[in-house]
Protein backbone atom coordinates (compact mmCIF):
# COMPACT_ATOMS: atom_id res chain seq x y z
CA MET A 1 69.13 117.44 90.92
CA ARG A 2 67.05 114.39 91.86
CA THR A 3 66.34 113.27 95.38
CA ILE A 4 66.49 109.59 96.35
CA THR A 5 65.72 107.81 99.58
CA LEU A 6 67.57 104.74 100.77
CA LYS A 7 67.69 102.51 103.80
CA LEU A 8 70.99 101.76 105.51
CA PRO A 9 71.87 99.17 108.14
CA ASP A 10 72.48 100.80 111.53
CA GLY A 11 76.21 100.15 111.41
CA LEU A 12 76.66 101.73 107.99
CA ALA A 13 74.49 104.71 108.96
CA ALA A 14 76.71 105.25 112.01
CA ARG A 15 79.84 105.14 109.84
CA VAL A 16 78.30 107.66 107.44
CA SER A 17 77.40 109.99 110.32
CA ALA A 18 80.87 109.73 111.84
CA THR A 19 82.54 110.46 108.50
CA VAL A 20 80.23 113.42 107.86
CA ARG A 21 81.14 114.92 111.25
CA ARG A 22 84.86 114.23 110.86
CA ARG A 23 85.09 115.67 107.34
CA GLY A 24 82.62 118.50 107.84
CA VAL A 25 80.60 117.71 104.71
CA SER A 26 76.92 117.02 104.18
CA THR A 27 75.55 113.49 104.05
CA SER A 28 74.45 114.14 100.47
CA ALA A 29 77.94 115.23 99.43
CA LEU A 30 79.51 112.17 101.07
CA VAL A 31 77.06 109.77 99.42
CA ARG A 32 77.50 111.44 96.00
CA GLU A 33 81.29 111.14 96.35
CA ALA A 34 81.04 107.48 97.38
CA LEU A 35 78.75 106.68 94.46
CA GLU A 36 81.05 108.44 91.99
CA ASP A 37 84.02 106.50 93.35
CA ARG A 38 82.18 103.18 93.25
CA LEU A 39 80.53 103.67 89.86
CA GLY A 40 83.61 105.17 88.21
CA GLY A 41 82.03 108.44 87.15
CA GLU A 42 83.30 109.84 83.88
CA THR A 43 83.92 113.22 85.48
CA ARG A 44 86.09 111.81 88.25
CA ASP A 45 89.69 113.02 88.24
CA ARG A 46 92.06 110.13 87.74
CA THR A 47 95.61 110.33 88.94
CA GLY A 48 98.54 108.03 88.48
CA SER A 49 100.47 106.69 85.56
CA CYS A 50 99.03 104.69 82.73
CA LEU A 51 100.43 101.57 84.40
CA ASP A 52 98.68 102.49 87.67
CA LEU A 53 95.36 102.79 85.85
CA ALA A 54 95.81 99.53 83.91
CA ALA A 55 97.71 97.54 86.53
CA ASP A 56 95.17 94.72 86.43
CA LEU A 57 95.95 94.26 82.73
CA ALA A 58 99.75 94.33 82.97
CA GLY A 59 101.15 90.91 82.20
CA ALA A 60 97.80 89.55 81.04
CA LEU A 61 99.06 88.81 77.53
CA THR A 62 101.90 86.59 76.44
CA GLY A 63 104.17 87.04 73.48
CA PRO A 64 107.76 87.79 72.55
CA ALA A 65 109.38 90.00 75.17
CA ASP A 66 112.07 91.38 72.87
CA LEU A 67 110.16 93.02 70.00
CA ALA A 68 112.13 96.27 70.14
CA SER A 69 115.61 94.76 70.34
CA ASN A 70 115.46 91.60 68.22
CA ALA A 71 116.13 92.27 64.53
CA ARG A 72 114.17 89.16 63.60
CA HIS A 73 110.95 90.86 64.76
CA LEU A 74 111.80 94.12 62.95
CA LYS A 75 112.17 92.52 59.50
CA GLY A 76 110.09 94.55 57.02
CA TYR A 77 109.13 97.18 59.56
CA GLY A 78 108.47 100.58 57.96
CA ARG A 79 108.15 99.35 54.39
């Protein structure tokens, strides 16, 4: 595992220290978790429905709303 050094503003350092004490974890563990959350690590467990995960995309496209129920749109389907 690599070691990095970073500088934090006093206010953020105080928030990190308070969170470490409250949660009973190491500073390294807290920073790793925060980086994984922020960077969207591939190993991160994702929960929620498909819609929850793609909510920002829902409704982004326009088109016919009745594809499954309008026979006009089903013409030739499956041939």
